[in-house]
Amino acid sequence: MIKRKTQKKRTGAHNHKALHNVKIIVEKHSDGYVAYPLGIKGIIVGEGDSYDEALADVKSAIRFHIETFGPDVFAQDDLPVLEAFVAEAGIAV
């Protein structure tokens, strides 16, 4: 029996994608969930019947947005969002 060495096909370019951490707001409404990212140029929204569905939908929308408009959607001159807070305030109208 002859053992053959398996060689991996090597290419000049690696297909590694940069990983960007994105803050995502997920809101619960009476008719479902809505999610949107912070710190990305443009309007991106995801929705679903559950938290997980809305999160998966917005992540897919973010990937599509980056594929369509390129990595410049992450503002280079803006500082990244470090934390996000939710505050409730009474507004007189």
PDB file of N, CA and C in Angstrom:
ATOM      1  N   MET A   1       0.844  -1.167   0.000  1.00  0.00           N
ATOM      2  CA  MET A   1       0.000   0.000   0.000  1.00  0.00           C
ATOM      3  C   MET A   1       0.896   1.239   0.000  1.00  0.00           C
ATOM      4  N   ILE A   2       0.604   2.158  -0.892  1.00  0.00           N
ATOM      5  CA  ILE A   2       1.392   3.380  -1.027  1.00  0.00           C
ATOM      6  C   ILE A   2       0.615   4.531  -0.395  1.00  0.00           C
ATOM      7  N   LYS A   3       1.286   5.229   0.507  1.00  0.00           N
ATOM      8  CA  LYS A   3       0.659   6.404   1.109  1.00  0.00           C
ATOM      9  C   LYS A   3       1.010   7.620   0.277  1.00  0.00           C
ATOM     10  N   ARG A   4       0.029   8.412   0.022  1.00  0.00           N
ATOM     11  CA  ARG A   4       0.247   9.637  -0.742  1.00  0.00           C
ATOM     12  C   ARG A   4       0.114  10.832   0.183  1.00  0.00           C
ATOM     13  N   LYS A   5       0.996  11.763  -0.005  1.00  0.00           N
ATOM     14  CA  LYS A   5       0.891  13.008   0.757  1.00  0.00           C
ATOM     15  C   LYS A   5      -0.145  13.888   0.088  1.00  0.00           C
ATOM     16  N   THR A   6      -0.995  14.430   0.891  1.00  0.00           N
ATOM     17  CA  THR A   6      -1.998  15.355   0.387  1.00  0.00           C
ATOM     18  C   THR A   6      -1.428  16.754   0.470  1.00  0.00           C
ATOM     19  N   GLN A   7      -1.435  17.436  -0.653  1.00  0.00           N
ATOM     20  CA  GLN A   7      -0.946  18.810  -0.675  1.00  0.00           C
ATOM     21  C   GLN A   7      -2.130  19.753  -0.739  1.00  0.00           C
ATOM     22  N   LYS A   8      -2.031  20.780   0.068  1.00  0.00           N
ATOM     23  CA  LYS A   8      -3.068  21.803   0.020  1.00  0.00           C
ATOM     24  C   LYS A   8      -2.746  22.757  -1.116  1.00  0.00           C
ATOM     25  N   LYS A   9      -3.766  23.126  -1.818  1.00  0.00           N
ATOM     26  CA  LYS A   9      -3.586  24.079  -2.902  1.00  0.00           C
ATOM     27  C   LYS A   9      -3.275  25.445  -2.303  1.00  0.00           C
ATOM     28  N   ARG A  10      -2.206  26.032  -2.719  1.00  0.00           N
ATOM     29  CA  ARG A  10      -1.809  27.335  -2.208  1.00  0.00           C
ATOM     30  C   ARG A  10      -2.079  28.392  -3.259  1.00  0.00           C
ATOM     31  N   THR A  11      -2.564  29.487  -2.768  1.00  0.00           N
ATOM     32  CA  THR A  11      -2.787  30.620  -3.660  1.00  0.00           C
ATOM     33  C   THR A  11      -2.019  31.801  -3.113  1.00  0.00           C
ATOM     34  N   GLY A  12      -1.766  32.763  -3.947  1.00  0.00           N
ATOM     35  CA  GLY A  12      -1.011  33.932  -3.538  1.00  0.00           C
ATOM     36  C   GLY A  12      -1.769  34.823  -2.577  1.00  0.00           C
ATOM     37  N   ALA A  13      -3.071  34.870  -2.692  1.00  0.00           N
ATOM     38  CA  ALA A  13      -3.874  35.757  -1.841  1.00  0.00           C
ATOM     39  C   ALA A  13      -4.657  34.930  -0.837  1.00  0.00           C
ATOM     40  N   HIS A  14      -4.733  35.420   0.358  1.00  0.00           N
ATOM     41  CA  HIS A  14      -5.539  34.774   1.387  1.00  0.00           C
ATOM     42  C   HIS A  14      -6.923  35.391   1.369  1.00  0.00           C
ATOM     43  N   ASN A  15      -7.912  34.581   1.622  1.00  0.00           N
ATOM     44  CA  ASN A  15      -9.289  35.054   1.607  1.00  0.00           C
ATOM     45  C   ASN A  15      -9.784  35.334   3.029  1.00  0.00           C
ATOM     46  N   HIS A  16      -8.980  36.058   3.807  1.00  0.00           N
ATOM     47  CA  HIS A  16      -9.367  36.406   5.171  1.00  0.00           C
ATOM     48  C   HIS A  16     -10.153  37.710   5.140  1.00  0.00           C
ATOM     49  N   LYS A  17     -11.219  37.741   5.886  1.00  0.00           N
ATOM     50  CA  LYS A  17     -12.015  38.957   5.972  1.00  0.00           C
ATOM     51  C   LYS A  17     -11.772  39.597   7.325  1.00  0.00           C
ATOM     52  N   ALA A  18     -11.738  40.915   7.340  1.00  0.00           N
ATOM     53  CA  ALA A  18     -11.560  41.639   8.586  1.00  0.00           C
ATOM     54  C   ALA A  18     -12.823  41.517   9.429  1.00  0.00           C
ATOM     55  N   LEU A  19     -12.642  41.376  10.724  1.00  0.00           N
ATOM     56  CA  LEU A  19     -13.768  41.281  11.635  1.00  0.00           C
ATOM     57  C   LEU A  19     -13.966  42.631  12.303  1.00  0.00           C
ATOM     58  N   HIS A  20     -15.153  43.179  12.160  1.00  0.00           N
ATOM     59  CA  HIS A  20     -15.506  44.454  12.787  1.00  0.00           C
ATOM     60  C   HIS A  20     -16.543  44.172  13.868  1.00  0.00           C
ATOM     61  N   ASN A  21     -16.286  44.651  15.055  1.00  0.00           N
ATOM     62  CA  ASN A  21     -17.291  44.563  16.115  1.00  0.00           C
ATOM     63  C   ASN A  21     -18.240  45.738  15.966  1.00  0.00           C
ATOM     64  N   VAL A  22     -19.515  45.446  15.923  1.00  0.00           N
ATOM     65  CA  VAL A  22     -20.538  46.460  15.699  1.00  0.00           C
ATOM     66  C   VAL A  22     -21.521  46.413  16.856  1.00  0.00           C
ATOM     67  N   LYS A  23     -21.855  47.566  17.389  1.00  0.00           N
ATOM     68  CA  LYS A  23     -22.901  47.656  18.407  1.00  0.00           C
ATOM     69  C   LYS A  23     -24.248  47.655  17.687  1.00  0.00           C
ATOM     70  N   ILE A  24     -25.151  46.790  18.149  1.00  0.00           N
ATOM     71  CA  ILE A  24     -26.463  46.657  17.523  1.00  0.00           C
ATOM     72  C   ILE A  24     -27.536  46.876  18.587  1.00  0.00           C
ATOM     73  N   ILE A  25     -28.471  47.745  18.278  1.00  0.00           N
ATOM     74  CA  ILE A  25     -29.622  47.993  19.147  1.00  0.00           C
ATOM     75  C   ILE A  25     -30.753  47.070  18.698  1.00  0.00           C
ATOM     76  N   VAL A  26     -31.355  46.361  19.641  1.00  0.00           N
ATOM     77  CA  VAL A  26     -32.513  45.513  19.344  1.00  0.00           C
ATOM     78  C   VAL A  26     -33.668  46.020  20.196  1.00  0.00           C
ATOM     79  N   GLU A  27     -34.748  46.409  19.535  1.00  0.00           N
ATOM     80  CA  GLU A  27     -35.931  46.931  20.221  1.00  0.00           C
ATOM     81  C   GLU A  27     -37.054  45.903  20.151  1.00  0.00           C
ATOM     82  N   LYS A  28     -37.754  45.748  21.265  1.00  0.00           N
ATOM     83  CA  LYS A  28     -38.925  44.866  21.291  1.00  0.00           C
ATOM     84  C   LYS A  28     -40.173  45.730  21.174  1.00  0.00           C
ATOM     85  N   HIS A  29     -41.004  45.403  20.184  1.00  0.00           N
ATOM     86  CA  HIS A  29     -42.266  46.109  19.955  1.00  0.00           C
ATOM     87  C   HIS A  29     -43.412  45.102  20.106  1.00  0.00           C
ATOM     88  N   SER A  30     -44.627  45.589  20.132  1.00  0.00           N
ATOM     89  CA  SER A  30     -45.783  44.698  20.303  1.00  0.00           C
ATOM     90  C   SER A  30     -45.936  43.711  19.145  1.00  0.00           C
ATOM     91  N   ASP A  31     -45.422  44.086  17.967  1.00  0.00           N
ATOM     92  CA  ASP A  31     -45.578  43.211  16.799  1.00  0.00           C
ATOM     93  C   ASP A  31     -44.273  42.543  16.368  1.00  0.00           C
ATOM     94  N   GLY A  32     -43.235  42.602  17.188  1.00  0.00           N
ATOM     95  CA  GLY A  32     -41.977  41.935  16.851  1.00  0.00           C
ATOM     96  C   GLY A  32     -40.771  42.735  17.303  1.00  0.00           C
ATOM     97  N   TYR A  33     -39.618  42.409  16.742  1.00  0.00           N
ATOM     98  CA  TYR A  33     -38.354  43.032  17.119  1.00  0.00           C
ATOM     99  C   TYR A  33     -37.756  43.782  15.930  1.00  0.00           C
ATOM    100  N   VAL A  34     -37.069  44.871  16.226  1.00  0.00           N
ATOM    101  CA  VAL A  34     -36.379  45.672  15.216  1.00  0.00           C
ATOM    102  C   VAL A  34     -34.944  45.844  15.699  1.00  0.00           C
ATOM    103  N   ALA A  35     -33.981  45.731  14.785  1.00  0.00           N
ATOM    104  CA  ALA A  35     -32.572  45.868  15.148  1.00  0.00           C
ATOM    105  C   ALA A  35     -31.872  46.784  14.155  1.00  0.00           C
ATOM    106  N   TYR A  36     -30.920  47.574  14.664  1.00  0.00           N
ATOM    107  CA  TYR A  36     -30.139  48.450  13.792  1.00  0.00           C
ATOM    108  C   TYR A  36     -28.763  48.681  14.415  1.00  0.00           C
ATOM    109  N   PRO A  37     -27.744  48.852  13.570  1.00  0.00           N
ATOM    110  CA  PRO A  37     -26.381  49.032  14.075  1.00  0.00           C
ATOM    111  C   PRO A  37     -26.069  50.494  14.363  1.00  0.00           C
ATOM    112  N   LEU A  38     -25.077  50.703  15.210  1.00  0.00           N
ATOM    113  CA  LEU A  38     -24.534  52.030  15.480  1.00  0.00           C
ATOM    114  C   LEU A  38     -23.164  52.126  14.815  1.00  0.00           C
ATOM    115  N   GLY A  39     -22.813  53.327  14.371  1.00  0.00           N
ATOM    116  CA  GLY A  39     -21.466  53.554  13.852  1.00  0.00           C
ATOM    117  C   GLY A  39     -21.221  53.125  12.420  1.00  0.00           C
ATOM    118  N   ILE A  40     -22.289  52.940  11.652  1.00  0.00           N
ATOM    119  CA  ILE A  40     -22.141  52.596  10.233  1.00  0.00           C
ATOM    120  C   ILE A  40     -22.878  53.652   9.426  1.00  0.00           C
ATOM    121  N   LYS A  41     -22.230  54.145   8.375  1.00  0.00           N
ATOM    122  CA  LYS A  41     -22.873  55.133   7.506  1.00  0.00           C
ATOM    123  C   LYS A  41     -23.991  54.468   6.712  1.00  0.00           C
ATOM    124  N   GLY A  42     -25.136  55.124   6.654  1.00  0.00           N
ATOM    125  CA  GLY A  42     -26.268  54.589   5.903  1.00  0.00           C
ATOM    126  C   GLY A  42     -27.339  54.076   6.839  1.00  0.00           C
ATOM    127  N   ILE A  43     -28.426  53.621   6.265  1.00  0.00           N
ATOM    128  CA  ILE A  43     -29.560  53.127   7.037  1.00  0.00           C
ATOM    129  C   ILE A  43     -29.648  51.617   6.873  1.00  0.00           C
ATOM    130  N   ILE A  44     -29.575  50.919   7.981  1.00  0.00           N
ATOM    131  CA  ILE A  44     -29.630  49.455   7.980  1.00  0.00           C
ATOM    132  C   ILE A  44     -30.593  49.039   9.086  1.00  0.00           C
ATOM    133  N   VAL A  45     -31.575  48.212   8.739  1.00  0.00           N
ATOM    134  CA  VAL A  45     -32.561  47.763   9.720  1.00  0.00           C
ATOM    135  C   VAL A  45     -32.843  46.286   9.490  1.00  0.00           C
ATOM    136  N   GLY A  46     -33.002  45.566  10.577  1.00  0.00           N
ATOM    137  CA  GLY A  46     -33.421  44.173  10.518  1.00  0.00           C
ATOM    138  C   GLY A  46     -34.652  44.001  11.376  1.00  0.00           C
ATOM    139  N   GLU A  47     -35.433  42.963  11.105  1.00  0.00           N
ATOM    140  CA  GLU A  47     -36.634  42.717  11.898  1.00  0.00           C
ATOM    141  C   GLU A  47     -36.869  41.227  12.029  1.00  0.00           C
ATOM    142  N   GLY A  48     -37.706  40.876  12.989  1.00  0.00           N
ATOM    143  CA  GLY A  48     -38.033  39.475  13.174  1.00  0.00           C
ATOM    144  C   GLY A  48     -39.077  39.293  14.256  1.00  0.00           C
ATOM    145  N   ASP A  49     -39.594  38.079  14.351  1.00  0.00           N
ATOM    146  CA  ASP A  49     -40.579  37.751  15.371  1.00  0.00           C
ATOM    147  C   ASP A  49     -39.918  37.507  16.724  1.00  0.00           C
ATOM    148  N   SER A  50     -38.597  37.319  16.727  1.00  0.00           N
ATOM    149  CA  SER A  50     -37.859  37.096  17.970  1.00  0.00           C
ATOM    150  C   SER A  50     -36.584  37.936  17.955  1.00  0.00           C
ATOM    151  N   TYR A  51     -35.965  38.048  19.115  1.00  0.00           N
ATOM    152  CA  TYR A  51     -34.689  38.755  19.253  1.00  0.00           C
ATOM    153  C   TYR A  51     -33.654  38.160  18.289  1.00  0.00           C
ATOM    154  N   ASP A  52     -33.534  36.833  18.309  1.00  0.00           N
ATOM    155  CA  ASP A  52     -32.540  36.157  17.464  1.00  0.00           C
ATOM    156  C   ASP A  52     -32.803  36.361  15.980  1.00  0.00           C
ATOM    157  N   GLU A  53     -34.070  36.342  15.566  1.00  0.00           N
ATOM    158  CA  GLU A  53     -34.402  36.569  14.153  1.00  0.00           C
ATOM    159  C   GLU A  53     -34.035  37.985  13.726  1.00  0.00           C
ATOM    160  N   ALA A  54     -34.344  38.957  14.573  1.00  0.00           N
ATOM    161  CA  ALA A  54     -34.014  40.348  14.244  1.00  0.00           C
ATOM    162  C   ALA A  54     -32.501  40.545  14.179  1.00  0.00           C
ATOM    163  N   LEU A  55     -31.765  39.933  15.111  1.00  0.00           N
ATOM    164  CA  LEU A  55     -30.310  40.044  15.121  1.00  0.00           C
ATOM    165  C   LEU A  55     -29.707  39.394  13.876  1.00  0.00           C
ATOM    166  N   ALA A  56     -30.178  38.221  13.518  1.00  0.00           N
ATOM    167  CA  ALA A  56     -29.681  37.547  12.311  1.00  0.00           C
ATOM    168  C   ALA A  56     -29.999  38.365  11.064  1.00  0.00           C
ATOM    169  N   ASP A  57     -31.191  38.953  11.016  1.00  0.00           N
ATOM    170  CA  ASP A  57     -31.604  39.750   9.854  1.00  0.00           C
ATOM    171  C   ASP A  57     -30.739  40.996   9.699  1.00  0.00           C
ATOM    172  N   VAL A  58     -30.470  41.697  10.811  1.00  0.00           N
ATOM    173  CA  VAL A  58     -29.655  42.908  10.708  1.00  0.00           C
ATOM    174  C   VAL A  58     -28.202  42.561  10.393  1.00  0.00           C
ATOM    175  N   LYS A  59     -27.693  41.454  10.895  1.00  0.00           N
ATOM    176  CA  LYS A  59     -26.314  41.046  10.556  1.00  0.00           C
ATOM    177  C   LYS A  59     -26.193  40.757   9.062  1.00  0.00           C
ATOM    178  N   SER A  60     -27.207  40.113   8.504  1.00  0.00           N
ATOM    179  CA  SER A  60     -27.229  39.857   7.070  1.00  0.00           C
ATOM    180  C   SER A  60     -27.288  41.173   6.297  1.00  0.00           C
ATOM    181  N   ALA A  61     -28.099  42.109   6.763  1.00  0.00           N
ATOM    182  CA  ALA A  61     -28.224  43.416   6.110  1.00  0.00           C
ATOM    183  C   ALA A  61     -26.906  44.198   6.192  1.00  0.00           C
ATOM    184  N   ILE A  62     -26.201  44.084   7.312  1.00  0.00           N
ATOM    185  CA  ILE A  62     -24.907  44.761   7.455  1.00  0.00           C
ATOM    186  C   ILE A  62     -23.903  44.194   6.458  1.00  0.00           C
ATOM    187  N   ARG A  63     -23.848  42.856   6.346  1.00  0.00           N
ATOM    188  CA  ARG A  63     -22.930  42.234   5.373  1.00  0.00           C
ATOM    189  C   ARG A  63     -23.247  42.708   3.953  1.00  0.00           C
ATOM    190  N   PHE A  64     -24.536  42.735   3.596  1.00  0.00           N
ATOM    191  CA  PHE A  64     -24.941  43.197   2.268  1.00  0.00           C
ATOM    192  C   PHE A  64     -24.544  44.658   2.059  1.00  0.00           C
ATOM    193  N   HIS A  65     -24.745  45.489   3.071  1.00  0.00           N
ATOM    194  CA  HIS A  65     -24.404  46.916   2.999  1.00  0.00           C
ATOM    195  C   HIS A  65     -22.902  47.093   2.738  1.00  0.00           C
ATOM    196  N   ILE A  66     -22.079  46.326   3.445  1.00  0.00           N
ATOM    197  CA  ILE A  66     -20.625  46.416   3.268  1.00  0.00           C
ATOM    198  C   ILE A  66     -20.222  45.903   1.889  1.00  0.00           C
ATOM    199  N   GLU A  67     -20.831  44.796   1.445  1.00  0.00           N
ATOM    200  CA  GLU A  67     -20.521  44.268   0.109  1.00  0.00           C
ATOM    201  C   GLU A  67     -20.915  45.265  -0.979  1.00  0.00           C
ATOM    202  N   THR A  68     -22.012  46.004  -0.758  1.00  0.00           N
ATOM    203  CA  THR A  68     -22.508  46.959  -1.746  1.00  0.00           C
ATOM    204  C   THR A  68     -21.700  48.249  -1.766  1.00  0.00           C
ATOM    205  N   PHE A  69     -21.425  48.805  -0.595  1.00  0.00           N
ATOM    206  CA  PHE A  69     -20.795  50.127  -0.514  1.00  0.00           C
ATOM    207  C   PHE A  69     -19.324  50.100  -0.107  1.00  0.00           C
ATOM    208  N   GLY A  70     -18.817  48.954   0.275  1.00  0.00           N
ATOM    209  CA  GLY A  70     -17.409  48.833   0.624  1.00  0.00           C
ATOM    210  C   GLY A  70     -17.134  49.149   2.085  1.00  0.00           C
ATOM    211  N   PRO A  71     -15.887  48.927   2.502  1.00  0.00           N
ATOM    212  CA  PRO A  71     -15.523  49.106   3.908  1.00  0.00           C
ATOM    213  C   PRO A  71     -15.546  50.555   4.381  1.00  0.00           C
ATOM    214  N   ASP A  72     -15.727  51.494   3.465  1.00  0.00           N
ATOM    215  CA  ASP A  72     -15.788  52.902   3.871  1.00  0.00           C
ATOM    216  C   ASP A  72     -17.051  53.226   4.662  1.00  0.00           C
ATOM    217  N   VAL A  73     -17.986  52.275   4.762  1.00  0.00           N
ATOM    218  CA  VAL A  73     -19.175  52.513   5.583  1.00  0.00           C
ATOM    219  C   VAL A  73     -18.785  52.639   7.055  1.00  0.00           C
ATOM    220  N   PHE A  74     -17.617  52.103   7.401  1.00  0.00           N
ATOM    221  CA  PHE A  74     -17.079  52.308   8.746  1.00  0.00           C
ATOM    222  C   PHE A  74     -16.272  53.590   8.687  1.00  0.00           C
ATOM    223  N   ALA A  75     -16.777  54.626   9.310  1.00  0.00           N
ATOM    224  CA  ALA A  75     -16.136  55.941   9.243  1.00  0.00           C
ATOM    225  C   ALA A  75     -14.736  55.888   9.838  1.00  0.00           C
ATOM    226  N   GLN A  76     -13.735  56.182   9.012  1.00  0.00           N
ATOM    227  CA  GLN A  76     -12.348  56.178   9.473  1.00  0.00           C
ATOM    228  C   GLN A  76     -12.048  57.379  10.352  1.00  0.00           C
ATOM    229  N   ASP A  77     -12.687  58.505  10.066  1.00  0.00           N
ATOM    230  CA  ASP A  77     -12.411  59.725  10.817  1.00  0.00           C
ATOM    231  C   ASP A  77     -13.236  59.821  12.094  1.00  0.00           C
ATOM    232  N   ASP A  78     -14.288  59.010  12.208  1.00  0.00           N
ATOM    233  CA  ASP A  78     -15.107  59.009  13.414  1.00  0.00           C
ATOM    234  C   ASP A  78     -14.543  58.010  14.417  1.00  0.00           C
ATOM    235  N   LEU A  79     -14.709  58.306  15.675  1.00  0.00           N
ATOM    236  CA  LEU A  79     -14.306  57.368  16.709  1.00  0.00           C
ATOM    237  C   LEU A  79     -15.371  56.284  16.824  1.00  0.00           C
ATOM    238  N   PRO A  80     -14.981  55.048  17.122  1.00  0.00           N
ATOM    239  CA  PRO A  80     -15.977  53.977  17.235  1.00  0.00           C
ATOM    240  C   PRO A  80     -16.867  54.183  18.454  1.00  0.00           C
ATOM    241  N   VAL A  81     -18.060  53.625  18.381  1.00  0.00           N
ATOM    242  CA  VAL A  81     -18.978  53.675  19.510  1.00  0.00           C
ATOM    243  C   VAL A  81     -18.432  52.739  20.584  1.00  0.00           C
ATOM    244  N   LEU A  82     -18.121  53.272  21.746  1.00  0.00           N
ATOM    245  CA  LEU A  82     -17.571  52.457  22.823  1.00  0.00           C
ATOM    246  C   LEU A  82     -18.661  51.766  23.627  1.00  0.00           C
ATOM    247  N   GLU A  83     -19.724  52.505  23.939  1.00  0.00           N
ATOM    248  CA  GLU A  83     -20.842  51.965  24.678  1.00  0.00           C
ATOM    249  C   GLU A  83     -22.121  52.633  24.182  1.00  0.00           C
ATOM    250  N   ALA A  84     -23.230  51.966  24.391  1.00  0.00           N
ATOM    251  CA  ALA A  84     -24.529  52.545  24.040  1.00  0.00           C
ATOM    252  C   ALA A  84     -25.426  52.453  25.260  1.00  0.00           C
ATOM    253  N   PHE A  85     -26.177  53.488  25.511  1.00  0.00           N
ATOM    254  CA  PHE A  85     -27.065  53.540  26.672  1.00  0.00           C
ATOM    255  C   PHE A  85     -28.477  53.872  26.210  1.00  0.00           C
ATOM    256  N   VAL A  86     -29.445  53.419  26.955  1.00  0.00           N
ATOM    257  CA  VAL A  86     -30.827  53.773  26.701  1.00  0.00           C
ATOM    258  C   VAL A  86     -31.287  54.637  27.876  1.00  0.00           C
ATOM    259  N   ALA A  87     -31.820  55.785  27.566  1.00  0.00           N
ATOM    260  CA  ALA A  87     -32.314  56.692  28.610  1.00  0.00           C
ATOM    261  C   ALA A  87     -33.754  57.042  28.304  1.00  0.00           C
ATOM    262  N   GLU A  88     -34.528  57.222  29.344  1.00  0.00           N
ATOM    263  CA  GLU A  88     -35.924  57.636  29.178  1.00  0.00           C
ATOM    264  C   GLU A  88     -36.064  59.011  29.799  1.00  0.00           C
ATOM    265  N   ALA A  89     -36.669  59.911  29.045  1.00  0.00           N
ATOM    266  CA  ALA A  89     -36.820  61.283  29.534  1.00  0.00           C
ATOM    267  C   ALA A  89     -38.214  61.794  29.184  1.00  0.00           C
ATOM    268  N   GLY A  90     -38.814  62.517  30.090  1.00  0.00           N
ATOM    269  CA  GLY A  90     -40.104  63.147  29.823  1.00  0.00           C
ATOM    270  C   GLY A  90     -39.877  64.435  29.037  1.00  0.00           C
ATOM    271  N   ILE A  91     -40.605  64.603  27.950  1.00  0.00           N
ATOM    272  CA  ILE A  91     -40.472  65.783  27.091  1.00  0.00           C
ATOM    273  C   ILE A  91     -41.817  66.505  27.058  1.00  0.00           C
ATOM    274  N   ALA A  92     -41.834  67.777  27.445  1.00  0.00           N
ATOM    275  CA  ALA A  92     -43.071  68.566  27.401  1.00  0.00           C
ATOM    276  C   ALA A  92     -43.344  68.974  25.953  1.00  0.00           C
ATOM    277  N   VAL A  93     -44.563  68.720  25.508  1.00  0.00           N
ATOM    278  CA  VAL A  93     -44.947  69.114  24.139  1.00  0.00           C
ATOM    279  C   VAL A  93     -46.200  69.931  24.143  1.00  0.00           C
TER     280      VAL A  93
END
